[in-house]
Each structure stands twice: as C-alpha cells, then as structure tokens.
C-alpha cells in the first residue's frame, strides 16, 4: 500500500467529502478510476465521453473525496434510472429472467464509485455512496459490480444491496457483472 513521504499512511480525517463538479474534474476522477480499476488509456478515453454525457442527464449528481490539498482521491456519481439508457437496455433481459425487472423503475443508479487504493478500507467509499443515495428522491438504488467476491461487493452487501441478477455480460467486458439493488436509505 502506498505511503506518504514520511512513511505514514494518509490520514483519512484529512479527507473531505462534498459535491463534485465532475464535468470540470473528469480527468482527475478517471485517473482515480484508472488506478482503482486498472483502466487502459483507451478505456479512459471512452469513459471520459460517457461520464460527460451522463453528467448532462437530469438528476445526475456527483460527490468527491478530496485531501486538504484538494487532491481528488475518490468519487461517486449516479442518476435516476432511465430504461432507454444503454446500461438499462443491457441489464433488463437479465433482470427479467430473474423476475426483478421492476427494479429498473423508480431507482437511483450508482454509475461509478472509486477510491484510490491508498485511501481504501477507511470508510470513504461507504461515506460517498450513502451520502449520494441519501439525497435521492427514488425509493431504491441499483448498481453493477464485477461478479466476484470482492471488497466492493462486501461493502455493497453491508449497505443492504442484494444480487438481482448475476453473470450479466456487458459488451466488450471480459468478466461478468452482478446487478445489485437496495432499498433506500442504505443500511448504516
């Protein structure tokens, strides 16, 4: 795990969570995502356009976690679900097969949640997702995550998310995903 110059881990109390102008700071956010999720330069370029398009969607909101020096070390963003958007059209057949298709209505989708590895396991991701969903008008939340036992999936389960569909295959994604849903507010 990375350390600061003095050999100490960064102090999580020095991280502030608040509203994020994701359009203005998209490159910083994607740099965090690239480290946390292992993206190539080509994938970052594609995601940049997607993030900018998403942030123009009515109801889209983002939060960031920054250090005292205003370094972005984590972010989350989401929006009310729209069945006509690409993500919904991909996951809908999987949810229908499981009898959970109704979750696509009246849900707030967590589109991305990433925390720089040097700042993980300190409650930053939990704080970002709960604060974002606390402001949602919708009664429930959806997200997709790699369909593996991972710290991210454990976090989502601890917040009340449950699997709605598994082995969901997104075009060009080599690994399958799980679609998870939770009633709001999330568990504390």
C-alpha atoms as a PDB file:
ATOM      1  CA  UNK A   1       0.000   0.000   0.000  1.00  0.00           C
ATOM      2  CA  UNK A   2       1.436   3.439  -0.916  1.00  0.00           C
ATOM      3  CA  UNK A   3       2.809   5.591   1.886  1.00  0.00           C
ATOM      4  CA  UNK A   4       3.440   9.308   2.164  1.00  0.00           C
ATOM      5  CA  UNK A   5       6.949  10.739   2.160  1.00  0.00           C
ATOM      6  CA  UNK A   6       7.178  10.329   5.952  1.00  0.00           C
ATOM      7  CA  UNK A   7       6.272   6.637   5.704  1.00  0.00           C
ATOM      8  CA  UNK A   8       2.802   7.147   7.170  1.00  0.00           C
ATOM      9  CA  UNK A   9      -0.477   6.280   5.515  1.00  0.00           C
ATOM     10  CA  UNK A  10      -2.583   9.317   4.596  1.00  0.00           C
ATOM     11  CA  UNK A  11      -4.847  10.383   7.447  1.00  0.00           C
ATOM     12  CA  UNK A  12      -8.494   9.687   6.452  1.00  0.00           C
ATOM     13  CA  UNK A  13      -9.611  12.522   8.737  1.00  0.00           C
ATOM     14  CA  UNK A  14      -7.926  14.869   6.306  1.00  0.00           C
ATOM     15  CA  UNK A  15     -10.255  13.726   3.519  1.00  0.00           C
ATOM     16  CA  UNK A  16     -13.344  15.861   2.941  1.00  0.00           C
ATOM     17  CA  UNK A  17     -16.413  14.584   1.107  1.00  0.00           C
ATOM     18  CA  UNK A  18     -18.639  17.011  -0.754  1.00  0.00           C
ATOM     19  CA  UNK A  19     -20.282  17.968  -4.025  1.00  0.00           C
ATOM     20  CA  UNK A  20     -18.077  17.422  -7.066  1.00  0.00           C
ATOM     21  CA  UNK A  21     -18.216  19.220 -10.400  1.00  0.00           C
ATOM     22  CA  UNK A  22     -17.444  16.002 -12.223  1.00  0.00           C
ATOM     23  CA  UNK A  23     -17.549  17.666 -15.624  1.00  0.00           C
ATOM     24  CA  UNK A  24     -14.744  20.049 -14.606  1.00  0.00           C
ATOM     25  CA  UNK A  25     -12.731  17.342 -12.805  1.00  0.00           C
ATOM     26  CA  UNK A  26     -13.436  14.389 -15.098  1.00  0.00           C
ATOM     27  CA  UNK A  27      -9.755  13.758 -15.861  1.00  0.00           C
ATOM     28  CA  UNK A  28      -8.845  13.661 -12.159  1.00  0.00           C
ATOM     29  CA  UNK A  29     -11.744  11.297 -11.458  1.00  0.00           C
ATOM     30  CA  UNK A  30     -10.775   8.996 -14.303  1.00  0.00           C
ATOM     31  CA  UNK A  31      -7.190   8.955 -13.028  1.00  0.00           C
ATOM     32  CA  UNK A  32      -8.534   7.640  -9.696  1.00  0.00           C
ATOM     33  CA  UNK A  33     -10.708   5.108 -11.529  1.00  0.00           C
ATOM     34  CA  UNK A  34      -7.771   4.008 -13.689  1.00  0.00           C
ATOM     35  CA  UNK A  35      -5.668   3.207 -10.602  1.00  0.00           C
ATOM     36  CA  UNK A  36      -8.545   1.638  -8.653  1.00  0.00           C
ATOM     37  CA  UNK A  37      -9.996  -0.368 -11.553  1.00  0.00           C
ATOM     38  CA  UNK A  38      -6.979  -0.865 -13.816  1.00  0.00           C
ATOM     39  CA  UNK A  39      -8.045   1.007 -16.947  1.00  0.00           C
ATOM     40  CA  UNK A  40      -6.013   1.450 -20.112  1.00  0.00           C
ATOM     41  CA  UNK A  41      -5.561   4.848 -21.762  1.00  0.00           C
ATOM     42  CA  UNK A  42      -8.033   3.793 -24.458  1.00  0.00           C
ATOM     43  CA  UNK A  43     -10.653   2.821 -21.839  1.00  0.00           C
ATOM     44  CA  UNK A  44     -10.131   6.149 -20.071  1.00  0.00           C
ATOM     45  CA  UNK A  45     -10.817   7.996 -23.329  1.00  0.00           C
ATOM     46  CA  UNK A  46     -14.053   6.094 -23.898  1.00  0.00           C
ATOM     47  CA  UNK A  47     -15.182   6.580 -20.291  1.00  0.00           C
ATOM     48  CA  UNK A  48     -14.443  10.298 -20.429  1.00  0.00           C
ATOM     49  CA  UNK A  49     -17.110  10.761 -23.094  1.00  0.00           C
ATOM     50  CA  UNK A  50     -19.543   8.559 -21.169  1.00  0.00           C
ATOM     51  CA  UNK A  51     -19.062  10.480 -17.904  1.00  0.00           C
ATOM     52  CA  UNK A  52     -19.558  13.833 -19.633  1.00  0.00           C
ATOM     53  CA  UNK A  53     -22.730  12.576 -21.318  1.00  0.00           C
ATOM     54  CA  UNK A  54     -24.043  11.141 -18.034  1.00  0.00           C
ATOM     55  CA  UNK A  55     -23.462  14.385 -16.160  1.00  0.00           C
ATOM     56  CA  UNK A  56     -25.758  16.180 -18.623  1.00  0.00           C
ATOM     57  CA  UNK A  57     -28.595  13.817 -17.648  1.00  0.00           C
ATOM     58  CA  UNK A  58     -31.337  15.392 -15.493  1.00  0.00           C
ATOM     59  CA  UNK A  59     -30.829  14.420 -11.852  1.00  0.00           C
ATOM     60  CA  UNK A  60     -27.194  13.301 -12.270  1.00  0.00           C
ATOM     61  CA  UNK A  61     -25.131  14.087  -9.165  1.00  0.00           C
ATOM     62  CA  UNK A  62     -21.547  13.516  -8.067  1.00  0.00           C
ATOM     63  CA  UNK A  63     -19.616  13.638  -4.820  1.00  0.00           C
ATOM     64  CA  UNK A  64     -15.879  13.673  -4.372  1.00  0.00           C
ATOM     65  CA  UNK A  65     -13.428  12.907  -1.599  1.00  0.00           C
ATOM     66  CA  UNK A  66     -10.500  15.310  -1.522  1.00  0.00           C
ATOM     67  CA  UNK A  67      -7.432  15.803   0.634  1.00  0.00           C
ATOM     68  CA  UNK A  68      -6.564  19.099   2.285  1.00  0.00           C
ATOM     69  CA  UNK A  69      -4.564  19.968  -0.836  1.00  0.00           C
ATOM     70  CA  UNK A  70      -7.699  19.408  -2.977  1.00  0.00           C
ATOM     71  CA  UNK A  71      -6.350  16.159  -4.448  1.00  0.00           C
ATOM     72  CA  UNK A  72      -9.287  14.007  -5.577  1.00  0.00           C
ATOM     73  CA  UNK A  73      -8.902  10.546  -4.008  1.00  0.00           C
ATOM     74  CA  UNK A  74     -12.407   9.166  -4.506  1.00  0.00           C
ATOM     75  CA  UNK A  75     -15.662   9.874  -6.279  1.00  0.00           C
ATOM     76  CA  UNK A  76     -19.146   8.573  -6.830  1.00  0.00           C
ATOM     77  CA  UNK A  77     -21.800   9.584  -9.287  1.00  0.00           C
ATOM     78  CA  UNK A  78     -25.226   8.431 -10.258  1.00  0.00           C
ATOM     79  CA  UNK A  79     -28.571   9.377 -11.697  1.00  0.00           C
ATOM     80  CA  UNK A  80     -32.213   8.345 -11.751  1.00  0.00           C
ATOM     81  CA  UNK A  81     -32.561   5.241 -13.903  1.00  0.00           C
ATOM     82  CA  UNK A  82     -33.925   5.654 -17.408  1.00  0.00           C
ATOM     83  CA  UNK A  83     -34.918   2.448 -19.196  1.00  0.00           C
ATOM     84  CA  UNK A  84     -33.856   3.953 -22.535  1.00  0.00           C
ATOM     85  CA  UNK A  85     -30.217   4.355 -21.439  1.00  0.00           C
ATOM     86  CA  UNK A  86     -27.629   1.827 -22.554  1.00  0.00           C
ATOM     87  CA  UNK A  87     -26.995   0.285 -19.105  1.00  0.00           C
ATOM     88  CA  UNK A  88     -30.695  -0.434 -18.585  1.00  0.00           C
ATOM     89  CA  UNK A  89     -31.091  -1.972 -22.031  1.00  0.00           C
ATOM     90  CA  UNK A  90     -28.198  -4.363 -21.323  1.00  0.00           C
ATOM     91  CA  UNK A  91     -29.290  -5.456 -17.830  1.00  0.00           C
ATOM     92  CA  UNK A  92     -33.069  -5.595 -18.479  1.00  0.00           C
ATOM     93  CA  UNK A  93     -33.139  -9.111 -20.030  1.00  0.00           C
ATOM     94  CA  UNK A  94     -31.080 -10.495 -17.122  1.00  0.00           C
ATOM     95  CA  UNK A  95     -33.378  -8.869 -14.561  1.00  0.00           C
ATOM     96  CA  UNK A  96     -36.496 -10.057 -16.433  1.00  0.00           C
ATOM     97  CA  UNK A  97     -35.145 -13.615 -16.382  1.00  0.00           C
ATOM     98  CA  UNK A  98     -34.774 -13.351 -12.573  1.00  0.00           C
ATOM     99  CA  UNK A  99     -38.173 -11.672 -12.079  1.00  0.00           C
ATOM    100  CA  UNK A 100     -36.541  -8.461 -10.824  1.00  0.00           C
ATOM    101  CA  UNK A 101     -37.118  -6.217 -13.867  1.00  0.00           C
ATOM    102  CA  UNK A 102     -39.339  -3.885 -11.804  1.00  0.00           C
ATOM    103  CA  UNK A 103     -36.205  -2.606 -10.054  1.00  0.00           C
ATOM    104  CA  UNK A 104     -35.454  -0.590 -13.202  1.00  0.00           C
ATOM    105  CA  UNK A 105     -38.325   1.741 -12.287  1.00  0.00           C
ATOM    106  CA  UNK A 106     -38.061   4.339  -9.518  1.00  0.00           C
ATOM    107  CA  UNK A 107     -34.385   3.608  -8.859  1.00  0.00           C
ATOM    108  CA  UNK A 108     -31.288   5.753  -8.497  1.00  0.00           C
ATOM    109  CA  UNK A 109     -28.330   4.120 -10.251  1.00  0.00           C
ATOM    110  CA  UNK A 110     -24.830   4.326  -8.819  1.00  0.00           C
ATOM    111  CA  UNK A 111     -22.897   4.622 -12.055  1.00  0.00           C
ATOM    112  CA  UNK A 112     -19.361   4.703 -10.670  1.00  0.00           C
ATOM    113  CA  UNK A 113     -17.773   4.553  -7.216  1.00  0.00           C
ATOM    114  CA  UNK A 114     -13.988   4.501  -6.950  1.00  0.00           C
ATOM    115  CA  UNK A 115     -11.481   5.266  -4.206  1.00  0.00           C
ATOM    116  CA  UNK A 116      -7.732   5.457  -4.783  1.00  0.00           C
ATOM    117  CA  UNK A 117      -6.139   2.276  -3.345  1.00  0.00           C
ATOM    118  CA  UNK A 118      -4.028   4.297  -0.852  1.00  0.00           C
ATOM    119  CA  UNK A 119      -7.287   5.563   0.678  1.00  0.00           C
ATOM    120  CA  UNK A 120      -9.379   2.374   0.593  1.00  0.00           C
ATOM    121  CA  UNK A 121     -10.661   0.491   3.662  1.00  0.00           C
ATOM    122  CA  UNK A 122     -11.234   3.695   5.629  1.00  0.00           C
ATOM    123  CA  UNK A 123     -14.944   4.281   5.101  1.00  0.00           C
ATOM    124  CA  UNK A 124     -14.540   6.783   2.275  1.00  0.00           C
ATOM    125  CA  UNK A 125     -16.443   4.705  -0.302  1.00  0.00           C
ATOM    126  CA  UNK A 126     -19.175   3.942   2.243  1.00  0.00           C
ATOM    127  CA  UNK A 127     -19.495   7.655   3.034  1.00  0.00           C
ATOM    128  CA  UNK A 128     -19.640   8.635  -0.625  1.00  0.00           C
ATOM    129  CA  UNK A 129     -22.344   6.136  -1.620  1.00  0.00           C
ATOM    130  CA  UNK A 130     -24.532   6.674   1.449  1.00  0.00           C
ATOM    131  CA  UNK A 131     -24.368  10.450   1.165  1.00  0.00           C
ATOM    132  CA  UNK A 132     -25.210  10.338  -2.559  1.00  0.00           C
ATOM    133  CA  UNK A 133     -28.149   7.968  -2.123  1.00  0.00           C
ATOM    134  CA  UNK A 134     -29.449   9.845   0.951  1.00  0.00           C
ATOM    135  CA  UNK A 135     -30.235  12.727  -1.418  1.00  0.00           C
ATOM    136  CA  UNK A 136     -32.066  10.512  -3.943  1.00  0.00           C
ATOM    137  CA  UNK A 137     -35.790  11.017  -4.450  1.00  0.00           C
ATOM    138  CA  UNK A 138     -36.171   7.404  -5.590  1.00  0.00           C
ATOM    139  CA  UNK A 139     -37.033   4.676  -3.050  1.00  0.00           C
ATOM    140  CA  UNK A 140     -34.278   2.287  -4.146  1.00  0.00           C
ATOM    141  CA  UNK A 141     -30.851   2.097  -5.732  1.00  0.00           C
ATOM    142  CA  UNK A 142     -29.191  -0.067  -8.364  1.00  0.00           C
ATOM    143  CA  UNK A 143     -25.585  -0.694  -9.327  1.00  0.00           C
ATOM    144  CA  UNK A 144     -23.466  -3.214 -11.177  1.00  0.00           C
ATOM    145  CA  UNK A 145     -20.221  -4.714  -9.921  1.00  0.00           C
ATOM    146  CA  UNK A 146     -17.843  -7.395 -11.113  1.00  0.00           C
ATOM    147  CA  UNK A 147     -19.444 -10.747 -10.302  1.00  0.00           C
ATOM    148  CA  UNK A 148     -16.698 -11.866  -7.923  1.00  0.00           C
ATOM    149  CA  UNK A 149     -16.288 -11.959  -4.162  1.00  0.00           C
ATOM    150  CA  UNK A 150     -14.515  -8.656  -3.683  1.00  0.00           C
ATOM    151  CA  UNK A 151     -14.248  -5.933  -1.052  1.00  0.00           C
ATOM    152  CA  UNK A 152     -16.574  -3.801  -3.214  1.00  0.00           C
ATOM    153  CA  UNK A 153     -19.290  -6.487  -3.259  1.00  0.00           C
ATOM    154  CA  UNK A 154     -18.869  -6.959   0.516  1.00  0.00           C
ATOM    155  CA  UNK A 155     -19.319  -3.201   1.008  1.00  0.00           C
ATOM    156  CA  UNK A 156     -22.466  -3.172  -1.128  1.00  0.00           C
ATOM    157  CA  UNK A 157     -23.928  -6.142   0.744  1.00  0.00           C
ATOM    158  CA  UNK A 158     -23.201  -4.475   4.091  1.00  0.00           C
ATOM    159  CA  UNK A 159     -25.181  -1.444   2.877  1.00  0.00           C
ATOM    160  CA  UNK A 160     -28.194  -3.610   2.017  1.00  0.00           C
ATOM    161  CA  UNK A 161     -27.622  -4.315  -1.672  1.00  0.00           C
ATOM    162  CA  UNK A 162     -28.552  -7.799  -2.804  1.00  0.00           C
ATOM    163  CA  UNK A 163     -27.974  -9.633  -6.067  1.00  0.00           C
ATOM    164  CA  UNK A 164     -30.809  -9.129  -8.547  1.00  0.00           C
ATOM    165  CA  UNK A 165     -29.047 -10.798 -11.487  1.00  0.00           C
ATOM    166  CA  UNK A 166     -25.663 -12.430 -11.894  1.00  0.00           C
ATOM    167  CA  UNK A 167     -23.428 -13.380 -14.804  1.00  0.00           C
ATOM    168  CA  UNK A 168     -24.502 -10.199 -16.627  1.00  0.00           C
ATOM    169  CA  UNK A 169     -22.333  -9.760 -19.694  1.00  0.00           C
ATOM    170  CA  UNK A 170     -21.695  -6.214 -20.891  1.00  0.00           C
ATOM    171  CA  UNK A 171     -20.437  -5.863 -24.474  1.00  0.00           C
ATOM    172  CA  UNK A 172     -16.628  -5.677 -24.560  1.00  0.00           C
ATOM    173  CA  UNK A 173     -16.325  -6.515 -20.835  1.00  0.00           C
ATOM    174  CA  UNK A 174     -14.302  -9.711 -20.401  1.00  0.00           C
ATOM    175  CA  UNK A 175     -15.715 -10.505 -16.943  1.00  0.00           C
ATOM    176  CA  UNK A 176     -19.378 -10.896 -15.976  1.00  0.00           C
ATOM    177  CA  UNK A 177     -21.097  -8.460 -13.625  1.00  0.00           C
ATOM    178  CA  UNK A 178     -23.782  -8.710 -10.973  1.00  0.00           C
ATOM    179  CA  UNK A 179     -26.641  -6.223 -10.810  1.00  0.00           C
ATOM    180  CA  UNK A 180     -27.436  -5.355  -7.199  1.00  0.00           C
ATOM    181  CA  UNK A 181     -30.314  -3.426  -5.665  1.00  0.00           C
ATOM    182  CA  UNK A 182     -31.095  -1.923  -2.259  1.00  0.00           C
ATOM    183  CA  UNK A 183     -33.969  -0.074  -0.668  1.00  0.00           C
ATOM    184  CA  UNK A 184     -33.127   3.429   0.478  1.00  0.00           C
ATOM    185  CA  UNK A 185     -31.902   4.683   2.815  1.00  0.00           C
ATOM    186  CA  UNK A 186     -28.931   2.363   2.798  1.00  0.00           C
ATOM    187  CA  UNK A 187     -28.041   0.420   5.946  1.00  0.00           C
ATOM    188  CA  UNK A 188     -25.606   2.080   8.303  1.00  0.00           C
END
